[in-house]
Amino acid sequence: MRKSILAITLLLSLANADQLIKLQITGMMCPACVSNVKSSLNGTTGVKETTVFLKNGTAEVKADSSVKPEALCTTVKSAGYGCKVAK
C-alpha cells in the first residue's frame, strides 16, 4: 500500500512538472516591446513565469508541461513580433 501511494505521488509530480521553453524573438526594439511580449506570454494559460531579454532577443518561459512551445510563438506573433522556438 505504501509503495502504491509513493508511486502515485511520483507520477502526479511528474505530470505536473514545469518546463523551460526558450524562444528567439525578432522585432523588439525597446523596453515597451519587452513589456508587450512579456504580458502576452504571461496571459497564456499554463505560463507561470516569463523573462524577456531585449539585448539578445530571447525569452525564457516557465510553463506547465501541457504548454506547447509553438503555441507560445503564435502568441508572440499575434502581438506583432517574430518568433522561433530556440534549441
PDB file of N, CA and C in Angstrom:
ATOM      1  N   MET A   1       0.828  -1.199   0.000  1.00  0.00           N
ATOM      2  CA  MET A   1       0.000   0.000   0.000  1.00  0.00           C
ATOM      3  C   MET A   1       0.867   1.255   0.000  1.00  0.00           C
ATOM      4  N   ARG A   2       1.867   1.248   0.862  1.00  0.00           N
ATOM      5  CA  ARG A   2       2.748   2.413   0.973  1.00  0.00           C
ATOM      6  C   ARG A   2       3.492   2.672  -0.340  1.00  0.00           C
ATOM      7  N   LYS A   3       3.942   1.592  -0.981  1.00  0.00           N
ATOM      8  CA  LYS A   3       4.641   1.734  -2.261  1.00  0.00           C
ATOM      9  C   LYS A   3       3.710   2.283  -3.336  1.00  0.00           C
ATOM     10  N   SER A   4       2.458   1.889  -3.301  1.00  0.00           N
ATOM     11  CA  SER A   4       1.478   2.385  -4.268  1.00  0.00           C
ATOM     12  C   SER A   4       1.262   3.882  -4.102  1.00  0.00           C
ATOM     13  N   ILE A   5       1.170   4.326  -2.868  1.00  0.00           N
ATOM     14  CA  ILE A   5       0.983   5.754  -2.605  1.00  0.00           C
ATOM     15  C   ILE A   5       2.195   6.539  -3.079  1.00  0.00           C
ATOM     16  N   LEU A   6       3.386   6.035  -2.823  1.00  0.00           N
ATOM     17  CA  LEU A   6       4.604   6.707  -3.284  1.00  0.00           C
ATOM     18  C   LEU A   6       4.666   6.758  -4.807  1.00  0.00           C
ATOM     19  N   ALA A   7       4.281   5.678  -5.458  1.00  0.00           N
ATOM     20  CA  ALA A   7       4.293   5.633  -6.921  1.00  0.00           C
ATOM     21  C   ALA A   7       3.297   6.629  -7.504  1.00  0.00           C
ATOM     22  N   ILE A   8       2.118   6.706  -6.924  1.00  0.00           N
ATOM     23  CA  ILE A   8       1.106   7.653  -7.403  1.00  0.00           C
ATOM     24  C   ILE A   8       1.575   9.084  -7.196  1.00  0.00           C
ATOM     25  N   THR A   9       2.167   9.357  -6.042  1.00  0.00           N
ATOM     26  CA  THR A   9       2.691  10.697  -5.753  1.00  0.00           C
ATOM     27  C   THR A   9       3.776  11.073  -6.756  1.00  0.00           C
ATOM     28  N   LEU A  10       4.652  10.147  -7.071  1.00  0.00           N
ATOM     29  CA  LEU A  10       5.715  10.404  -8.044  1.00  0.00           C
ATOM     30  C   LEU A  10       5.141  10.676  -9.423  1.00  0.00           C
ATOM     31  N   LEU A  11       4.172   9.899  -9.845  1.00  0.00           N
ATOM     32  CA  LEU A  11       3.550  10.101 -11.159  1.00  0.00           C
ATOM     33  C   LEU A  11       2.843  11.449 -11.238  1.00  0.00           C
ATOM     34  N   LEU A  12       2.164  11.833 -10.180  1.00  0.00           N
ATOM     35  CA  LEU A  12       1.489  13.132 -10.170  1.00  0.00           C
ATOM     36  C   LEU A  12       2.487  14.275 -10.226  1.00  0.00           C
ATOM     37  N   SER A  13       3.599  14.145  -9.527  1.00  0.00           N
ATOM     38  CA  SER A  13       4.593  15.220  -9.560  1.00  0.00           C
ATOM     39  C   SER A  13       5.249  15.313 -10.932  1.00  0.00           C
ATOM     40  N   LEU A  14       5.442  14.196 -11.599  1.00  0.00           N
ATOM     41  CA  LEU A  14       5.996  14.226 -12.952  1.00  0.00           C
ATOM     42  C   LEU A  14       5.005  14.814 -13.937  1.00  0.00           C
ATOM     43  N   ALA A  15       3.732  14.520 -13.768  1.00  0.00           N
ATOM     44  CA  ALA A  15       2.700  15.035 -14.667  1.00  0.00           C
ATOM     45  C   ALA A  15       2.564  16.549 -14.525  1.00  0.00           C
ATOM     46  N   ASN A  16       2.857  17.070 -13.352  1.00  0.00           N
ATOM     47  CA  ASN A  16       2.727  18.497 -13.107  1.00  0.00           C
ATOM     48  C   ASN A  16       4.060  19.225 -13.219  1.00  0.00           C
ATOM     49  N   ALA A  17       5.069  18.571 -13.749  1.00  0.00           N
ATOM     50  CA  ALA A  17       6.397  19.169 -13.852  1.00  0.00           C
ATOM     51  C   ALA A  17       6.377  20.357 -14.805  1.00  0.00           C
ATOM     52  N   ASP A  18       7.139  21.367 -14.436  1.00  0.00           N
ATOM     53  CA  ASP A  18       7.262  22.544 -15.290  1.00  0.00           C
ATOM     54  C   ASP A  18       8.324  22.304 -16.350  1.00  0.00           C
ATOM     55  N   GLN A  19       8.238  23.080 -17.393  1.00  0.00           N
ATOM     56  CA  GLN A  19       9.248  23.041 -18.440  1.00  0.00           C
ATOM     57  C   GLN A  19       9.764  24.456 -18.661  1.00  0.00           C
ATOM     58  N   LEU A  20      10.975  24.571 -19.152  1.00  0.00           N
ATOM     59  CA  LEU A  20      11.553  25.861 -19.504  1.00  0.00           C
ATOM     60  C   LEU A  20      11.641  25.915 -21.023  1.00  0.00           C
ATOM     61  N   ILE A  21      10.904  26.846 -21.609  1.00  0.00           N
ATOM     62  CA  ILE A  21      10.853  26.989 -23.063  1.00  0.00           C
ATOM     63  C   ILE A  21      11.618  28.253 -23.441  1.00  0.00           C
ATOM     64  N   LYS A  22      12.538  28.111 -24.384  1.00  0.00           N
ATOM     65  CA  LYS A  22      13.324  29.257 -24.837  1.00  0.00           C
ATOM     66  C   LYS A  22      12.862  29.659 -26.231  1.00  0.00           C
ATOM     67  N   LEU A  23      12.630  30.957 -26.389  1.00  0.00           N
ATOM     68  CA  LEU A  23      12.153  31.491 -27.661  1.00  0.00           C
ATOM     69  C   LEU A  23      13.125  32.521 -28.205  1.00  0.00           C
ATOM     70  N   GLN A  24      13.285  32.542 -29.514  1.00  0.00           N
ATOM     71  CA  GLN A  24      14.054  33.580 -30.209  1.00  0.00           C
ATOM     72  C   GLN A  24      13.034  34.549 -30.790  1.00  0.00           C
ATOM     73  N   ILE A  25      13.100  35.815 -30.377  1.00  0.00           N
ATOM     74  CA  ILE A  25      12.095  36.800 -30.782  1.00  0.00           C
ATOM     75  C   ILE A  25      12.751  37.916 -31.587  1.00  0.00           C
ATOM     76  N   THR A  26      12.120  38.266 -32.706  1.00  0.00           N
ATOM     77  CA  THR A  26      12.624  39.362 -33.535  1.00  0.00           C
ATOM     78  C   THR A  26      11.619  40.509 -33.523  1.00  0.00           C
ATOM     79  N   GLY A  27      12.145  41.705 -33.748  1.00  0.00           N
ATOM     80  CA  GLY A  27      11.282  42.874 -33.852  1.00  0.00           C
ATOM     81  C   GLY A  27      11.157  43.690 -32.585  1.00  0.00           C
ATOM     82  N   MET A  28      11.786  43.247 -31.493  1.00  0.00           N
ATOM     83  CA  MET A  28      11.748  44.030 -30.259  1.00  0.00           C
ATOM     84  C   MET A  28      12.809  45.122 -30.340  1.00  0.00           C
ATOM     85  N   MET A  29      12.390  46.370 -30.138  1.00  0.00           N
ATOM     86  CA  MET A  29      13.309  47.487 -30.259  1.00  0.00           C
ATOM     87  C   MET A  29      13.506  48.289 -28.972  1.00  0.00           C
ATOM     88  N   CYS A  30      12.600  48.117 -27.988  1.00  0.00           N
ATOM     89  CA  CYS A  30      12.646  48.974 -26.810  1.00  0.00           C
ATOM     90  C   CYS A  30      12.031  48.260 -25.610  1.00  0.00           C
ATOM     91  N   PRO A  31      12.142  48.859 -24.430  1.00  0.00           N
ATOM     92  CA  PRO A  31      11.540  48.249 -23.241  1.00  0.00           C
ATOM     93  C   PRO A  31      10.025  48.061 -23.341  1.00  0.00           C
ATOM     94  N   ALA A  32       9.345  48.911 -24.085  1.00  0.00           N
ATOM     95  CA  ALA A  32       7.901  48.747 -24.271  1.00  0.00           C
ATOM     96  C   ALA A  32       7.602  47.452 -25.039  1.00  0.00           C
ATOM     97  N   CYS A  33       8.449  47.121 -25.991  1.00  0.00           N
ATOM     98  CA  CYS A  33       8.298  45.863 -26.734  1.00  0.00           C
ATOM     99  C   CYS A  33       8.465  44.673 -25.784  1.00  0.00           C
ATOM    100  N   VAL A  34       9.462  44.758 -24.918  1.00  0.00           N
ATOM    101  CA  VAL A  34       9.711  43.697 -23.945  1.00  0.00           C
ATOM    102  C   VAL A  34       8.475  43.516 -23.065  1.00  0.00           C
ATOM    103  N   SER A  35       7.924  44.604 -22.598  1.00  0.00           N
ATOM    104  CA  SER A  35       6.736  44.556 -21.752  1.00  0.00           C
ATOM    105  C   SER A  35       5.550  43.942 -22.500  1.00  0.00           C
ATOM    106  N   ASN A  36       5.391  44.297 -23.753  1.00  0.00           N
ATOM    107  CA  ASN A  36       4.297  43.767 -24.566  1.00  0.00           C
ATOM    108  C   ASN A  36       4.436  42.255 -24.758  1.00  0.00           C
ATOM    109  N   VAL A  37       5.642  41.804 -25.077  1.00  0.00           N
ATOM    110  CA  VAL A  37       5.884  40.371 -25.269  1.00  0.00           C
ATOM    111  C   VAL A  37       5.655  39.627 -23.955  1.00  0.00           C
ATOM    112  N   LYS A  38       6.197  40.178 -22.877  1.00  0.00           N
ATOM    113  CA  LYS A  38       6.077  39.528 -21.578  1.00  0.00           C
ATOM    114  C   LYS A  38       4.616  39.408 -21.140  1.00  0.00           C
ATOM    115  N   SER A  39       3.854  40.472 -21.279  1.00  0.00           N
ATOM    116  CA  SER A  39       2.452  40.411 -20.865  1.00  0.00           C
ATOM    117  C   SER A  39       1.650  39.465 -21.754  1.00  0.00           C
ATOM    118  N   SER A  40       1.986  39.415 -23.037  1.00  0.00           N
ATOM    119  CA  SER A  40       1.296  38.483 -23.941  1.00  0.00           C
ATOM    120  C   SER A  40       1.560  37.037 -23.532  1.00  0.00           C
ATOM    121  N   LEU A  41       2.816  36.721 -23.255  1.00  0.00           N
ATOM    122  CA  LEU A  41       3.167  35.358 -22.859  1.00  0.00           C
ATOM    123  C   LEU A  41       2.572  35.008 -21.499  1.00  0.00           C
ATOM    124  N   ASN A  42       2.624  35.942 -20.559  1.00  0.00           N
ATOM    125  CA  ASN A  42       2.089  35.676 -19.229  1.00  0.00           C
ATOM    126  C   ASN A  42       0.574  35.493 -19.239  1.00  0.00           C
ATOM    127  N   GLY A  43      -0.085  35.990 -20.263  1.00  0.00           N
ATOM    128  CA  GLY A  43      -1.524  35.819 -20.389  1.00  0.00           C
ATOM    129  C   GLY A  43      -1.931  34.473 -20.957  1.00  0.00           C
ATOM    130  N   THR A  44      -0.962  33.660 -21.310  1.00  0.00           N
ATOM    131  CA  THR A  44      -1.226  32.338 -21.879  1.00  0.00           C
ATOM    132  C   THR A  44      -1.483  31.329 -20.765  1.00  0.00           C
ATOM    133  N   THR A  45      -2.525  30.548 -20.904  1.00  0.00           N
ATOM    134  CA  THR A  45      -2.853  29.527 -19.907  1.00  0.00           C
ATOM    135  C   THR A  45      -1.693  28.554 -19.745  1.00  0.00           C
ATOM    136  N   GLY A  46      -1.298  28.325 -18.503  1.00  0.00           N
ATOM    137  CA  GLY A  46      -0.222  27.384 -18.199  1.00  0.00           C
ATOM    138  C   GLY A  46       1.133  28.035 -18.024  1.00  0.00           C
ATOM    139  N   VAL A  47       1.259  29.308 -18.409  1.00  0.00           N
ATOM    140  CA  VAL A  47       2.523  30.007 -18.235  1.00  0.00           C
ATOM    141  C   VAL A  47       2.623  30.500 -16.801  1.00  0.00           C
ATOM    142  N   LYS A  48       3.744  30.212 -16.160  1.00  0.00           N
ATOM    143  CA  LYS A  48       3.936  30.588 -14.766  1.00  0.00           C
ATOM    144  C   LYS A  48       4.851  31.798 -14.604  1.00  0.00           C
ATOM    145  N   GLU A  49       5.843  31.904 -15.469  1.00  0.00           N
ATOM    146  CA  GLU A  49       6.811  32.997 -15.344  1.00  0.00           C
ATOM    147  C   GLU A  49       7.489  33.226 -16.689  1.00  0.00           C
ATOM    148  N   THR A  50       7.734  34.486 -17.003  1.00  0.00           N
ATOM    149  CA  THR A  50       8.381  34.828 -18.272  1.00  0.00           C
ATOM    150  C   THR A  50       9.480  35.847 -18.029  1.00  0.00           C
ATOM    151  N   THR A  51      10.625  35.615 -18.653  1.00  0.00           N
ATOM    152  CA  THR A  51      11.720  36.578 -18.638  1.00  0.00           C
ATOM    153  C   THR A  51      12.064  36.883 -20.087  1.00  0.00           C
ATOM    154  N   VAL A  52      12.076  38.165 -20.450  1.00  0.00           N
ATOM    155  CA  VAL A  52      12.365  38.576 -21.825  1.00  0.00           C
ATOM    156  C   VAL A  52      13.642  39.418 -21.822  1.00  0.00           C
ATOM    157  N   PHE A  53      14.541  39.111 -22.741  1.00  0.00           N
ATOM    158  CA  PHE A  53      15.822  39.802 -22.841  1.00  0.00           C
ATOM    159  C   PHE A  53      15.883  40.592 -24.147  1.00  0.00           C
ATOM    160  N   LEU A  54      15.859  41.909 -24.046  1.00  0.00           N
ATOM    161  CA  LEU A  54      15.889  42.769 -25.222  1.00  0.00           C
ATOM    162  C   LEU A  54      17.209  42.648 -25.968  1.00  0.00           C
ATOM    163  N   LYS A  55      18.316  42.669 -25.241  1.00  0.00           N
ATOM    164  CA  LYS A  55      19.649  42.702 -25.856  1.00  0.00           C
ATOM    165  C   LYS A  55      19.896  41.537 -26.818  1.00  0.00           C
ATOM    166  N   ASN A  56      19.506  40.331 -26.413  1.00  0.00           N
ATOM    167  CA  ASN A  56      19.749  39.188 -27.304  1.00  0.00           C
ATOM    168  C   ASN A  56      18.481  38.645 -27.966  1.00  0.00           C
ATOM    169  N   GLY A  57      17.347  39.325 -27.759  1.00  0.00           N
ATOM    170  CA  GLY A  57      16.110  38.950 -28.443  1.00  0.00           C
ATOM    171  C   GLY A  57      15.593  37.574 -28.092  1.00  0.00           C
ATOM    172  N   THR A  58      15.621  37.257 -26.807  1.00  0.00           N
ATOM    173  CA  THR A  58      15.147  35.950 -26.378  1.00  0.00           C
ATOM    174  C   THR A  58      14.138  36.080 -25.246  1.00  0.00           C
ATOM    175  N   ALA A  59      13.436  34.988 -25.015  1.00  0.00           N
ATOM    176  CA  ALA A  59      12.532  34.879 -23.869  1.00  0.00           C
ATOM    177  C   ALA A  59      12.663  33.486 -23.297  1.00  0.00           C
ATOM    178  N   GLU A  60      12.567  33.404 -21.982  1.00  0.00           N
ATOM    179  CA  GLU A  60      12.540  32.119 -21.294  1.00  0.00           C
ATOM    180  C   GLU A  60      11.207  32.043 -20.567  1.00  0.00           C
ATOM    181  N   VAL A  61      10.484  30.976 -20.827  1.00  0.00           N
ATOM    182  CA  VAL A  61       9.137  30.831 -20.282  1.00  0.00           C
ATOM    183  C   VAL A  61       9.072  29.563 -19.441  1.00  0.00           C
ATOM    184  N   LYS A  62       8.709  29.731 -18.175  1.00  0.00           N
ATOM    185  CA  LYS A  62       8.464  28.595 -17.300  1.00  0.00           C
ATOM    186  C   LYS A  62       6.972  28.307 -17.381  1.00  0.00           C
ATOM    187  N   ALA A  63       6.640  27.074 -17.782  1.00  0.00           N
ATOM    188  CA  ALA A  63       5.234  26.740 -18.034  1.00  0.00           C
ATOM    189  C   ALA A  63       4.946  25.299 -17.652  1.00  0.00           C
ATOM    190  N   ASP A  64       3.652  25.018 -17.518  1.00  0.00           N
ATOM    191  CA  ASP A  64       3.211  23.641 -17.299  1.00  0.00           C
ATOM    192  C   ASP A  64       3.677  22.769 -18.455  1.00  0.00           C
ATOM    193  N   SER A  65       3.763  21.479 -18.188  1.00  0.00           N
ATOM    194  CA  SER A  65       4.209  20.556 -19.231  1.00  0.00           C
ATOM    195  C   SER A  65       3.216  20.455 -20.385  1.00  0.00           C
ATOM    196  N   SER A  66       1.993  20.921 -20.182  1.00  0.00           N
ATOM    197  CA  SER A  66       0.979  20.855 -21.238  1.00  0.00           C
ATOM    198  C   SER A  66       1.116  21.971 -22.276  1.00  0.00           C
ATOM    199  N   VAL A  67       1.920  22.992 -21.983  1.00  0.00           N
ATOM    200  CA  VAL A  67       2.065  24.131 -22.889  1.00  0.00           C
ATOM    201  C   VAL A  67       2.986  23.751 -24.050  1.00  0.00           C
ATOM    202  N   LYS A  68       2.527  24.013 -25.253  1.00  0.00           N
ATOM    203  CA  LYS A  68       3.315  23.715 -26.461  1.00  0.00           C
ATOM    204  C   LYS A  68       4.139  24.948 -26.840  1.00  0.00           C
ATOM    205  N   PRO A  69       5.433  24.777 -27.082  1.00  0.00           N
ATOM    206  CA  PRO A  69       6.276  25.906 -27.468  1.00  0.00           C
ATOM    207  C   PRO A  69       5.756  26.650 -28.701  1.00  0.00           C
ATOM    208  N   GLU A  70       5.207  25.922 -29.654  1.00  0.00           N
ATOM    209  CA  GLU A  70       4.695  26.541 -30.870  1.00  0.00           C
ATOM    210  C   GLU A  70       3.514  27.470 -30.561  1.00  0.00           C
ATOM    211  N   ALA A  71       2.719  27.110 -29.559  1.00  0.00           N
ATOM    212  CA  ALA A  71       1.597  27.954 -29.161  1.00  0.00           C
ATOM    213  C   ALA A  71       2.095  29.275 -28.586  1.00  0.00           C
ATOM    214  N   LEU A  72       3.221  29.231 -27.879  1.00  0.00           N
ATOM    215  CA  LEU A  72       3.806  30.464 -27.347  1.00  0.00           C
ATOM    216  C   LEU A  72       4.286  31.356 -28.483  1.00  0.00           C
ATOM    217  N   CYS A  73       4.872  30.769 -29.508  1.00  0.00           N
ATOM    218  CA  CYS A  73       5.296  31.552 -30.677  1.00  0.00           C
ATOM    219  C   CYS A  73       4.091  32.173 -31.374  1.00  0.00           C
ATOM    220  N   THR A  74       3.004  31.454 -31.456  1.00  0.00           N
ATOM    221  CA  THR A  74       1.795  32.004 -32.054  1.00  0.00           C
ATOM    222  C   THR A  74       1.331  33.229 -31.272  1.00  0.00           C
ATOM    223  N   THR A  75       1.419  33.169 -29.961  1.00  0.00           N
ATOM    224  CA  THR A  75       1.047  34.297 -29.109  1.00  0.00           C
ATOM    225  C   THR A  75       1.952  35.498 -29.382  1.00  0.00           C
ATOM    226  N   VAL A  76       3.249  35.252 -29.483  1.00  0.00           N
ATOM    227  CA  VAL A  76       4.209  36.334 -29.745  1.00  0.00           C
ATOM    228  C   VAL A  76       3.943  36.950 -31.116  1.00  0.00           C
ATOM    229  N   LYS A  77       3.676  36.114 -32.097  1.00  0.00           N
ATOM    230  CA  LYS A  77       3.391  36.616 -33.447  1.00  0.00           C
ATOM    231  C   LYS A  77       2.108  37.435 -33.475  1.00  0.00           C
ATOM    232  N   SER A  78       1.124  37.025 -32.683  1.00  0.00           N
ATOM    233  CA  SER A  78      -0.127  37.791 -32.597  1.00  0.00           C
ATOM    234  C   SER A  78       0.103  39.173 -31.991  1.00  0.00           C
ATOM    235  N   ALA A  79       1.141  39.279 -31.175  1.00  0.00           N
ATOM    236  CA  ALA A  79       1.480  40.566 -30.568  1.00  0.00           C
ATOM    237  C   ALA A  79       2.300  41.450 -31.521  1.00  0.00           C
ATOM    238  N   GLY A  80       2.672  40.897 -32.693  1.00  0.00           N
ATOM    239  CA  GLY A  80       3.357  41.700 -33.706  1.00  0.00           C
ATOM    240  C   GLY A  80       4.850  41.481 -33.824  1.00  0.00           C
ATOM    241  N   TYR A  81       5.350  40.386 -33.290  1.00  0.00           N
ATOM    242  CA  TYR A  81       6.786  40.111 -33.324  1.00  0.00           C
ATOM    243  C   TYR A  81       7.044  38.773 -33.999  1.00  0.00           C
ATOM    244  N   GLY A  82       8.271  38.573 -34.428  1.00  0.00           N
ATOM    245  CA  GLY A  82       8.659  37.284 -34.992  1.00  0.00           C
ATOM    246  C   GLY A  82       9.080  36.351 -33.874  1.00  0.00           C
ATOM    247  N   CYS A  83       8.952  35.048 -34.112  1.00  0.00           N
ATOM    248  CA  CYS A  83       9.279  34.086 -33.050  1.00  0.00           C
ATOM    249  C   CYS A  83       9.649  32.730 -33.631  1.00  0.00           C
ATOM    250  N   LYS A  84      10.670  32.117 -33.017  1.00  0.00           N
ATOM    251  CA  LYS A  84      11.037  30.733 -33.298  1.00  0.00           C
ATOM    252  C   LYS A  84      11.376  30.089 -31.967  1.00  0.00           C
ATOM    253  N   VAL A  85      11.105  28.803 -31.867  1.00  0.00           N
ATOM    254  CA  VAL A  85      11.489  28.072 -30.671  1.00  0.00           C
ATOM    255  C   VAL A  85      12.997  27.854 -30.741  1.00  0.00           C
ATOM    256  N   ALA A  86      13.698  28.294 -29.695  1.00  0.00           N
ATOM    257  CA  ALA A  86      15.166  28.124 -29.652  1.00  0.00           C
ATOM    258  C   ALA A  86      15.494  26.701 -29.247  1.00  0.00           C
ATOM    259  N   LYS A  87      16.608  26.227 -29.742  1.00  0.00           N
ATOM    260  CA  LYS A  87      17.035  24.857 -29.415  1.00  0.00           C
ATOM    261  C   LYS A  87      18.104  24.858 -28.388  1.00  0.00           C
TER     262      LYS A  87
END
